[in-house]
Structure formats: C-alpha cells, structure tokens
Amino acid sequence: MIDFFYPLFKKVMPLQTFRYAACGCINVVLDIGLFFVFFNYVFRKQVLHLGFFSFQPHIAAFIASFFITFPVGFLTSKYIVWTESTMRGHVQLFRYFVIILMNFFINYIFIKLFVEFFHIYPTIAKVLTTVIVVLFSYLSHKHFTFKVKNLQEV
C-alpha cells in the first residue's frame, strides 16, 4: 500500500528511503499521538508514583508510548523498509534494540532538557526531539541494524 504513493516521490528519493520515511512518519505520528494521550488523559499531567520511583508525567508518557512504538517500528522496518537485509532476524532485533535504546536515551535527555530547562510544552518538546533522533536513527539502521552484506563480505 505504501508503494502506491511512491511514483509521486520517485524523482526525489529511492524506494527504500521513501519506505523508511513513510513507515517512520506513521510510527512518529503514532508515538506523538500516544504521548499526547498518555500525558493528558492517562497520567493527567501529574507525577506517576511507583513505590520507590516517581516519574514526571512527560517522562511517564514517553516511556508508555515507547513500549507500543518499539515493536511497531521493528516490524515495519524489517518487513517493509529493509527487506533485502541479509542479517538474521534475531541479530536485527538485537541491533534494532541497541539503536532504539540509544534513541530512548537521546529522547529522554532532550525531552527533559526542553521541558525542564527551556520550559517548552511537553508535546512540542517531543516533536523537536523526534526531529533530532530521526537522522541518527535512519543512518544507524541503514548501516548497522539492517545492513546488506556485499558479495565480498560473504
């Protein structure tokens, strides 16, 4: 279904980049939408107390949305974007997890920075942070997670 729209972008980018952008946009919209719902309606903009740990509502919303978008992102990456990858599934999953974990910490740091230091509204902070993470994520997945081995490497 995603490839149906590709002819409109064919002159601008290769198919794989288009698929990454399309799947990434879907996952980002899902992530930001979930973040908004969790922040405003689930956690009601209040601190989440879990025994010994307490989370600011923007951090709790970020973590909750992560648990949904992680598997969605991996599955779309594996089966729609990086289909020609020669790496085994469990290796892809491990590497995807490593990159996403790095993205997780980058997200955490920038959301805290934007909200608590620059006093930016949490949903706007999430959008700004997402822009920062996208480039790092694309390059990491292309050259590490879903790498295609050359014939000389085999």
N, C-alpha and C. Protein backbone atom coordinates (compact mmCIF):
# COMPACT_ATOMS: atom_id res chain seq x y z
N MET A 1 0.82 -1.19 0.00
CA MET A 1 0.00 0.00 0.00
C MET A 1 0.87 1.27 0.00
N ILE A 2 1.97 1.23 0.73
CA ILE A 2 2.86 2.39 0.79
C ILE A 2 3.46 2.67 -0.59
N ASP A 3 3.82 1.60 -1.31
CA ASP A 3 4.44 1.76 -2.62
C ASP A 3 3.49 2.42 -3.64
N PHE A 4 2.20 2.41 -3.38
CA PHE A 4 1.23 3.03 -4.27
C PHE A 4 1.54 4.52 -4.44
N PHE A 5 2.01 5.17 -3.39
CA PHE A 5 2.29 6.60 -3.42
C PHE A 5 3.71 6.93 -3.89
N TYR A 6 4.54 5.90 -4.04
CA TYR A 6 5.94 6.14 -4.39
C TYR A 6 6.13 6.89 -5.71
N PRO A 7 5.35 6.62 -6.77
CA PRO A 7 5.58 7.36 -8.02
C PRO A 7 5.58 8.89 -7.86
N LEU A 8 4.87 9.39 -6.88
CA LEU A 8 4.85 10.84 -6.64
C LEU A 8 6.21 11.35 -6.14
N PHE A 9 6.99 10.46 -5.54
CA PHE A 9 8.27 10.85 -4.93
C PHE A 9 9.48 10.24 -5.63
N LYS A 10 9.23 9.52 -6.71
CA LYS A 10 10.28 8.76 -7.38
C LYS A 10 11.48 9.61 -7.80
N LYS A 11 11.22 10.83 -8.23
CA LYS A 11 12.31 11.70 -8.68
C LYS A 11 13.09 12.31 -7.52
N VAL A 12 12.51 12.25 -6.33
CA VAL A 12 13.11 12.90 -5.17
C VAL A 12 13.95 11.94 -4.32
N MET A 13 13.53 10.66 -4.26
CA MET A 13 14.22 9.72 -3.38
C MET A 13 14.06 8.28 -3.86
N PRO A 14 15.02 7.42 -3.49
CA PRO A 14 14.89 6.00 -3.82
C PRO A 14 13.76 5.35 -3.02
N LEU A 15 13.30 4.20 -3.50
CA LEU A 15 12.17 3.50 -2.88
C LEU A 15 12.42 3.19 -1.41
N GLN A 16 13.60 2.72 -1.06
CA GLN A 16 13.89 2.37 0.33
C GLN A 16 13.79 3.59 1.25
N THR A 17 14.30 4.72 0.79
CA THR A 17 14.21 5.95 1.59
C THR A 17 12.75 6.38 1.74
N PHE A 18 11.98 6.24 0.67
CA PHE A 18 10.55 6.57 0.74
C PHE A 18 9.84 5.66 1.74
N ARG A 19 10.13 4.37 1.68
CA ARG A 19 9.50 3.43 2.63
C ARG A 19 9.89 3.78 4.06
N TYR A 20 11.18 4.11 4.27
CA TYR A 20 11.62 4.50 5.62
C TYR A 20 10.86 5.74 6.07
N ALA A 21 10.76 6.72 5.20
CA ALA A 21 10.07 7.97 5.56
C ALA A 21 8.60 7.70 5.85
N ALA A 22 7.95 6.90 5.01
CA ALA A 22 6.52 6.61 5.21
C ALA A 22 6.29 5.84 6.50
N CYS A 23 7.03 4.76 6.70
CA CYS A 23 6.87 3.96 7.93
C CYS A 23 7.28 4.77 9.15
N GLY A 24 8.35 5.54 9.00
CA GLY A 24 8.79 6.38 10.10
C GLY A 24 7.75 7.42 10.47
N CYS A 25 7.14 8.03 9.46
CA CYS A 25 6.09 9.03 9.73
C CYS A 25 4.90 8.39 10.44
N ILE A 26 4.52 7.21 10.00
CA ILE A 26 3.41 6.51 10.65
C ILE A 26 3.74 6.25 12.11
N ASN A 27 4.95 5.76 12.36
CA ASN A 27 5.36 5.45 13.73
C ASN A 27 5.52 6.71 14.57
N VAL A 28 6.01 7.79 13.96
CA VAL A 28 6.17 9.05 14.69
C VAL A 28 4.81 9.63 15.06
N VAL A 29 3.88 9.59 14.11
CA VAL A 29 2.52 10.08 14.40
C VAL A 29 1.89 9.25 15.52
N LEU A 30 2.07 7.93 15.43
CA LEU A 30 1.58 7.05 16.50
C LEU A 30 2.23 7.41 17.82
N ASP A 31 3.55 7.60 17.82
CA ASP A 31 4.30 7.92 19.03
C ASP A 31 3.83 9.24 19.64
N ILE A 32 3.75 10.27 18.84
CA ILE A 32 3.35 11.57 19.36
C ILE A 32 1.89 11.56 19.81
N GLY A 33 1.05 10.86 19.05
CA GLY A 33 -0.36 10.73 19.46
C GLY A 33 -0.50 10.00 20.79
N LEU A 34 0.21 8.89 20.93
CA LEU A 34 0.20 8.15 22.19
C LEU A 34 0.76 9.00 23.33
N PHE A 35 1.86 9.70 23.05
CA PHE A 35 2.46 10.58 24.06
C PHE A 35 1.43 11.60 24.54
N PHE A 36 0.73 12.23 23.62
CA PHE A 36 -0.28 13.23 23.95
C PHE A 36 -1.39 12.62 24.81
N VAL A 37 -1.89 11.44 24.40
CA VAL A 37 -2.97 10.78 25.14
C VAL A 37 -2.50 10.36 26.53
N PHE A 38 -1.33 9.74 26.61
CA PHE A 38 -0.81 9.32 27.91
C PHE A 38 -0.58 10.54 28.82
N PHE A 39 0.05 11.58 28.27
CA PHE A 39 0.37 12.76 29.07
C PHE A 39 -0.90 13.46 29.58
N ASN A 40 -1.86 13.68 28.70
CA ASN A 40 -3.04 14.47 29.05
C ASN A 40 -4.16 13.67 29.71
N TYR A 41 -4.36 12.43 29.28
CA TYR A 41 -5.55 11.69 29.73
C TYR A 41 -5.25 10.50 30.65
N VAL A 42 -4.13 9.84 30.45
CA VAL A 42 -3.81 8.70 31.31
C VAL A 42 -3.14 9.18 32.59
N PHE A 43 -2.08 9.96 32.45
CA PHE A 43 -1.35 10.45 33.62
C PHE A 43 -1.88 11.81 34.09
N ARG A 44 -2.74 12.41 33.31
CA ARG A 44 -3.43 13.67 33.65
C ARG A 44 -2.47 14.75 34.13
N LYS A 45 -1.32 14.81 33.46
CA LYS A 45 -0.30 15.83 33.74
C LYS A 45 0.18 15.82 35.19
N GLN A 46 0.12 14.64 35.82
CA GLN A 46 0.53 14.52 37.21
C GLN A 46 1.67 13.51 37.34
N VAL A 47 2.45 13.68 38.36
CA VAL A 47 3.58 12.78 38.62
C VAL A 47 3.06 11.37 38.84
N LEU A 48 3.74 10.40 38.24
CA LEU A 48 3.39 8.99 38.41
C LEU A 48 4.28 8.41 39.51
N HIS A 49 3.67 7.99 40.61
CA HIS A 49 4.42 7.42 41.73
C HIS A 49 4.32 5.90 41.67
N LEU A 50 5.48 5.24 41.62
CA LEU A 50 5.55 3.78 41.58
C LEU A 50 6.46 3.31 42.71
N GLY A 51 6.01 3.37 43.92
CA GLY A 51 6.81 2.94 45.06
C GLY A 51 8.04 3.80 45.24
N PHE A 52 9.21 3.22 44.91
CA PHE A 52 10.47 3.93 45.09
C PHE A 52 10.77 4.92 43.97
N PHE A 53 10.04 4.81 42.86
CA PHE A 53 10.29 5.67 41.71
C PHE A 53 9.10 6.59 41.47
N SER A 54 9.42 7.78 41.04
CA SER A 54 8.40 8.72 40.60
C SER A 54 8.84 9.28 39.26
N PHE A 55 7.89 9.40 38.35
CA PHE A 55 8.18 9.91 37.02
C PHE A 55 7.36 11.16 36.76
N GLN A 56 8.00 12.18 36.22
CA GLN A 56 7.27 13.35 35.76
C GLN A 56 6.30 12.86 34.67
N PRO A 57 5.16 13.50 34.50
CA PRO A 57 4.17 12.99 33.53
C PRO A 57 4.69 12.94 32.10
N HIS A 58 5.55 13.87 31.71
CA HIS A 58 6.09 13.83 30.35
C HIS A 58 7.04 12.65 30.16
N ILE A 59 7.75 12.25 31.20
CA ILE A 59 8.65 11.10 31.11
C ILE A 59 7.83 9.80 31.15
N ALA A 60 6.81 9.74 31.98
CA ALA A 60 5.94 8.57 32.04
C ALA A 60 5.24 8.36 30.70
N ALA A 61 4.78 9.43 30.08
CA ALA A 61 4.11 9.34 28.78
C ALA A 61 5.09 8.87 27.70
N PHE A 62 6.31 9.37 27.76
CA PHE A 62 7.34 8.96 26.82
C PHE A 62 7.63 7.46 26.94
N ILE A 63 7.77 6.97 28.16
CA ILE A 63 8.07 5.55 28.38
C ILE A 63 6.89 4.67 27.94
N ALA A 64 5.68 5.07 28.27
CA ALA A 64 4.50 4.29 27.90
C ALA A 64 4.35 4.20 26.38
N SER A 65 4.55 5.30 25.69
CA SER A 65 4.42 5.27 24.23
C SER A 65 5.54 4.44 23.60
N PHE A 66 6.71 4.43 24.23
CA PHE A 66 7.84 3.65 23.73
C PHE A 66 7.50 2.16 23.66
N PHE A 67 6.81 1.65 24.69
CA PHE A 67 6.50 0.22 24.73
C PHE A 67 5.54 -0.21 23.63
N ILE A 68 4.85 0.71 23.04
CA ILE A 68 3.96 0.38 21.92
C ILE A 68 4.68 0.59 20.59
N THR A 69 5.41 1.69 20.47
CA THR A 69 6.02 2.00 19.17
C THR A 69 7.28 1.19 18.88
N PHE A 70 7.91 0.61 19.89
CA PHE A 70 9.10 -0.22 19.64
C PHE A 70 8.77 -1.42 18.75
N PRO A 71 7.80 -2.26 19.11
CA PRO A 71 7.53 -3.41 18.23
C PRO A 71 6.96 -2.99 16.87
N VAL A 72 6.15 -1.95 16.85
CA VAL A 72 5.60 -1.48 15.57
C VAL A 72 6.74 -1.02 14.67
N GLY A 73 7.67 -0.27 15.21
CA GLY A 73 8.81 0.21 14.43
C GLY A 73 9.69 -0.91 13.91
N PHE A 74 9.97 -1.90 14.76
CA PHE A 74 10.81 -3.01 14.30
C PHE A 74 10.14 -3.79 13.18
N LEU A 75 8.89 -4.13 13.36
CA LEU A 75 8.19 -4.93 12.36
C LEU A 75 8.05 -4.21 11.02
N THR A 76 7.75 -2.92 11.04
CA THR A 76 7.67 -2.19 9.78
C THR A 76 9.05 -2.04 9.14
N SER A 77 10.07 -1.84 9.96
CA SER A 77 11.42 -1.75 9.42
C SER A 77 11.86 -3.05 8.78
N LYS A 78 11.64 -4.14 9.45
CA LYS A 78 12.07 -5.46 8.96
C LYS A 78 11.31 -5.90 7.71
N TYR A 79 10.00 -5.73 7.73
CA TYR A 79 9.18 -6.32 6.66
C TYR A 79 8.75 -5.35 5.57
N ILE A 80 8.97 -4.06 5.75
CA ILE A 80 8.59 -3.10 4.71
C ILE A 80 9.79 -2.32 4.20
N VAL A 81 10.64 -1.83 5.08
CA VAL A 81 11.73 -0.94 4.67
C VAL A 81 12.98 -1.68 4.25
N TRP A 82 13.53 -2.49 5.11
CA TRP A 82 14.83 -3.11 4.90
C TRP A 82 14.69 -4.58 4.50
N THR A 83 13.86 -4.86 3.56
CA THR A 83 13.54 -6.25 3.18
C THR A 83 14.72 -7.00 2.57
N GLU A 84 15.69 -6.31 2.01
CA GLU A 84 16.81 -7.01 1.39
C GLU A 84 17.98 -7.25 2.34
N SER A 85 17.79 -6.97 3.61
CA SER A 85 18.84 -7.21 4.58
C SER A 85 19.15 -8.70 4.65
N THR A 86 20.44 -9.00 4.72
CA THR A 86 20.88 -10.40 4.76
C THR A 86 21.14 -10.88 6.18
N MET A 87 20.90 -10.04 7.16
CA MET A 87 21.16 -10.42 8.54
C MET A 87 20.01 -11.26 9.09
N ARG A 88 20.31 -12.12 10.04
CA ARG A 88 19.30 -12.96 10.66
C ARG A 88 18.38 -12.12 11.53
N GLY A 89 17.14 -12.56 11.67
CA GLY A 89 16.12 -11.82 12.41
C GLY A 89 16.50 -11.48 13.83
N HIS A 90 17.07 -12.45 14.57
CA HIS A 90 17.43 -12.17 15.96
C HIS A 90 18.57 -11.16 16.07
N VAL A 91 19.47 -11.16 15.09
CA VAL A 91 20.55 -10.17 15.07
C VAL A 91 19.97 -8.79 14.77
N GLN A 92 19.04 -8.74 13.81
CA GLN A 92 18.37 -7.47 13.50
C GLN A 92 17.64 -6.94 14.73
N LEU A 93 16.92 -7.81 15.42
CA LEU A 93 16.17 -7.39 16.60
C LEU A 93 17.10 -6.85 17.68
N PHE A 94 18.21 -7.55 17.92
CA PHE A 94 19.17 -7.09 18.93
C PHE A 94 19.75 -5.73 18.54
N ARG A 95 20.18 -5.61 17.28
CA ARG A 95 20.76 -4.35 16.82
C ARG A 95 19.71 -3.23 16.83
N TYR A 96 18.51 -3.55 16.42
CA TYR A 96 17.42 -2.57 16.46
C TYR A 96 17.22 -2.09 17.89
N PHE A 97 17.22 -3.03 18.82
CA PHE A 97 17.05 -2.69 20.23
C PHE A 97 18.17 -1.76 20.71
N VAL A 98 19.41 -2.05 20.31
CA VAL A 98 20.55 -1.22 20.72
C VAL A 98 20.37 0.22 20.21
N ILE A 99 20.01 0.35 18.93
CA ILE A 99 19.82 1.69 18.35
C ILE A 99 18.63 2.38 19.00
N ILE A 100 17.55 1.65 19.21
CA ILE A 100 16.36 2.24 19.84
C ILE A 100 16.66 2.62 21.29
N LEU A 101 17.47 1.83 21.96
CA LEU A 101 17.87 2.18 23.33
C LEU A 101 18.67 3.49 23.32
N MET A 102 19.55 3.64 22.35
CA MET A 102 20.28 4.90 22.22
C MET A 102 19.29 6.04 21.92
N ASN A 103 18.35 5.79 21.02
CA ASN A 103 17.32 6.79 20.73
C ASN A 103 16.50 7.12 21.97
N PHE A 104 16.23 6.10 22.77
CA PHE A 104 15.47 6.27 24.01
C PHE A 104 16.18 7.27 24.92
N PHE A 105 17.48 7.08 25.10
CA PHE A 105 18.23 7.99 25.98
C PHE A 105 18.38 9.38 25.37
N ILE A 106 18.55 9.45 24.06
CA ILE A 106 18.59 10.76 23.41
C ILE A 106 17.25 11.47 23.61
N ASN A 107 16.15 10.73 23.41
CA ASN A 107 14.81 11.28 23.65
C ASN A 107 14.67 11.76 25.09
N TYR A 108 15.06 10.92 26.02
CA TYR A 108 14.93 11.24 27.44
C TYR A 108 15.68 12.54 27.78
N ILE A 109 16.91 12.60 27.33
CA ILE A 109 17.74 13.76 27.64
C ILE A 109 17.15 15.04 27.04
N PHE A 110 16.77 14.97 25.75
CA PHE A 110 16.26 16.18 25.11
C PHE A 110 14.87 16.57 25.61
N ILE A 111 14.01 15.61 25.92
CA ILE A 111 12.70 15.96 26.47
C ILE A 111 12.88 16.64 27.82
N LYS A 112 13.72 16.06 28.67
CA LYS A 112 13.99 16.69 29.98
C LYS A 112 14.57 18.09 29.79
N LEU A 113 15.52 18.20 28.90
CA LEU A 113 16.16 19.49 28.64
C LEU A 113 15.14 20.52 28.14
N PHE A 114 14.36 20.15 27.13
CA PHE A 114 13.39 21.09 26.56
C PHE A 114 12.30 21.46 27.56
N VAL A 115 11.79 20.48 28.30
CA VAL A 115 10.67 20.76 29.22
C VAL A 115 11.15 21.42 30.50
N GLU A 116 12.17 20.86 31.12
CA GLU A 116 12.55 21.31 32.45
C GLU A 116 13.56 22.46 32.45
N PHE A 117 14.31 22.62 31.38
CA PHE A 117 15.28 23.70 31.34
C PHE A 117 14.79 24.87 30.49
N PHE A 118 14.27 24.54 29.26
CA PHE A 118 13.80 25.59 28.36
C PHE A 118 12.30 25.89 28.52
N HIS A 119 11.61 25.09 29.36
CA HIS A 119 10.18 25.28 29.65
C HIS A 119 9.30 25.25 28.40
N ILE A 120 9.61 24.33 27.51
CA ILE A 120 8.81 24.12 26.31
C ILE A 120 7.69 23.14 26.65
N TYR A 121 6.50 23.36 26.11
CA TYR A 121 5.38 22.46 26.37
C TYR A 121 5.76 21.04 25.96
N PRO A 122 5.43 20.02 26.77
CA PRO A 122 5.90 18.66 26.54
C PRO A 122 5.64 18.07 25.14
N THR A 123 4.47 18.29 24.58
CA THR A 123 4.21 17.71 23.25
C THR A 123 5.08 18.38 22.20
N ILE A 124 5.30 19.67 22.30
CA ILE A 124 6.19 20.38 21.38
C ILE A 124 7.63 19.89 21.57
N ALA A 125 8.02 19.68 22.82
CA ALA A 125 9.35 19.16 23.12
C ALA A 125 9.55 17.78 22.49
N LYS A 126 8.51 16.97 22.53
CA LYS A 126 8.57 15.64 21.93
C LYS A 126 8.76 15.74 20.42
N VAL A 127 8.08 16.65 19.78
CA VAL A 127 8.21 16.84 18.33
C VAL A 127 9.63 17.30 17.99
N LEU A 128 10.15 18.27 18.70
CA LEU A 128 11.52 18.75 18.46
C LEU A 128 12.55 17.64 18.66
N THR A 129 12.36 16.87 19.70
CA THR A 129 13.27 15.76 19.98
C THR A 129 13.22 14.72 18.87
N THR A 130 12.04 14.45 18.37
CA THR A 130 11.87 13.48 17.29
C THR A 130 12.67 13.88 16.06
N VAL A 131 12.67 15.15 15.73
CA VAL A 131 13.43 15.64 14.58
C VAL A 131 14.92 15.32 14.76
N ILE A 132 15.43 15.50 15.94
CA ILE A 132 16.84 15.25 16.22
C ILE A 132 17.18 13.77 16.06
N VAL A 133 16.28 12.91 16.52
CA VAL A 133 16.54 11.48 16.54
C VAL A 133 16.41 10.83 15.16
N VAL A 134 15.59 11.37 14.29
CA VAL A 134 15.28 10.72 13.01
C VAL A 134 16.53 10.50 12.15
N LEU A 135 17.36 11.49 11.99
CA LEU A 135 18.55 11.34 11.16
C LEU A 135 19.50 10.28 11.73
N PHE A 136 19.75 10.36 13.02
CA PHE A 136 20.61 9.36 13.66
C PHE A 136 20.04 7.95 13.46
N SER A 137 18.75 7.81 13.64
CA SER A 137 18.10 6.52 13.51
C SER A 137 18.20 5.96 12.09
N TYR A 138 17.93 6.78 11.11
CA TYR A 138 17.98 6.32 9.71
C TYR A 138 19.37 5.80 9.36
N LEU A 139 20.39 6.59 9.66
CA LEU A 139 21.75 6.18 9.32
C LEU A 139 22.18 4.94 10.09
N SER A 140 21.79 4.85 11.34
CA SER A 140 22.14 3.68 12.16
C SER A 140 21.50 2.41 11.64
N HIS A 141 20.22 2.50 11.31
CA HIS A 141 19.53 1.30 10.81
C HIS A 141 20.05 0.89 9.44
N LYS A 142 20.32 1.86 8.59
CA LYS A 142 20.80 1.54 7.24
C LYS A 142 22.17 0.88 7.28
N HIS A 143 23.07 1.39 8.11
CA HIS A 143 24.45 0.91 8.09
C HIS A 143 24.81 -0.09 9.19
N PHE A 144 23.87 -0.34 10.10
CA PHE A 144 24.18 -1.24 11.21
C PHE A 144 23.10 -2.30 11.41
N THR A 145 21.88 -1.89 11.69
CA THR A 145 20.83 -2.82 12.06
C THR A 145 20.41 -3.74 10.91
N PHE A 146 20.12 -3.14 9.76
CA PHE A 146 19.60 -3.90 8.62
C PHE A 146 20.59 -3.89 7.46
N LYS A 147 21.85 -3.98 7.80
CA LYS A 147 22.94 -3.94 6.84
C LYS A 147 22.78 -5.06 5.80
N VAL A 148 23.16 -4.73 4.57
CA VAL A 148 23.19 -5.72 3.50
C VAL A 148 24.63 -6.04 3.24
N LYS A 149 24.99 -7.32 3.36
CA LYS A 149 26.38 -7.73 3.15
C LYS A 149 26.67 -7.74 1.65
N ASN A 150 27.86 -7.23 1.31
CA ASN A 150 28.33 -7.28 -0.07
C ASN A 150 28.78 -8.70 -0.36
N LEU A 151 28.86 -9.05 -1.63
CA LEU A 151 29.31 -10.39 -2.00
C LEU A 151 30.73 -10.65 -1.51
N GLN A 152 31.58 -9.62 -1.43
CA GLN A 152 32.95 -9.79 -0.97
C GLN A 152 33.00 -10.14 0.51
N GLU A 153 31.97 -9.71 1.29
CA GLU A 153 31.96 -9.96 2.73
C GLU A 153 31.51 -11.38 3.06
N VAL A 154 30.84 -12.05 2.16
CA VAL A 154 30.27 -13.36 2.43
C VAL A 154 31.29 -14.45 2.37
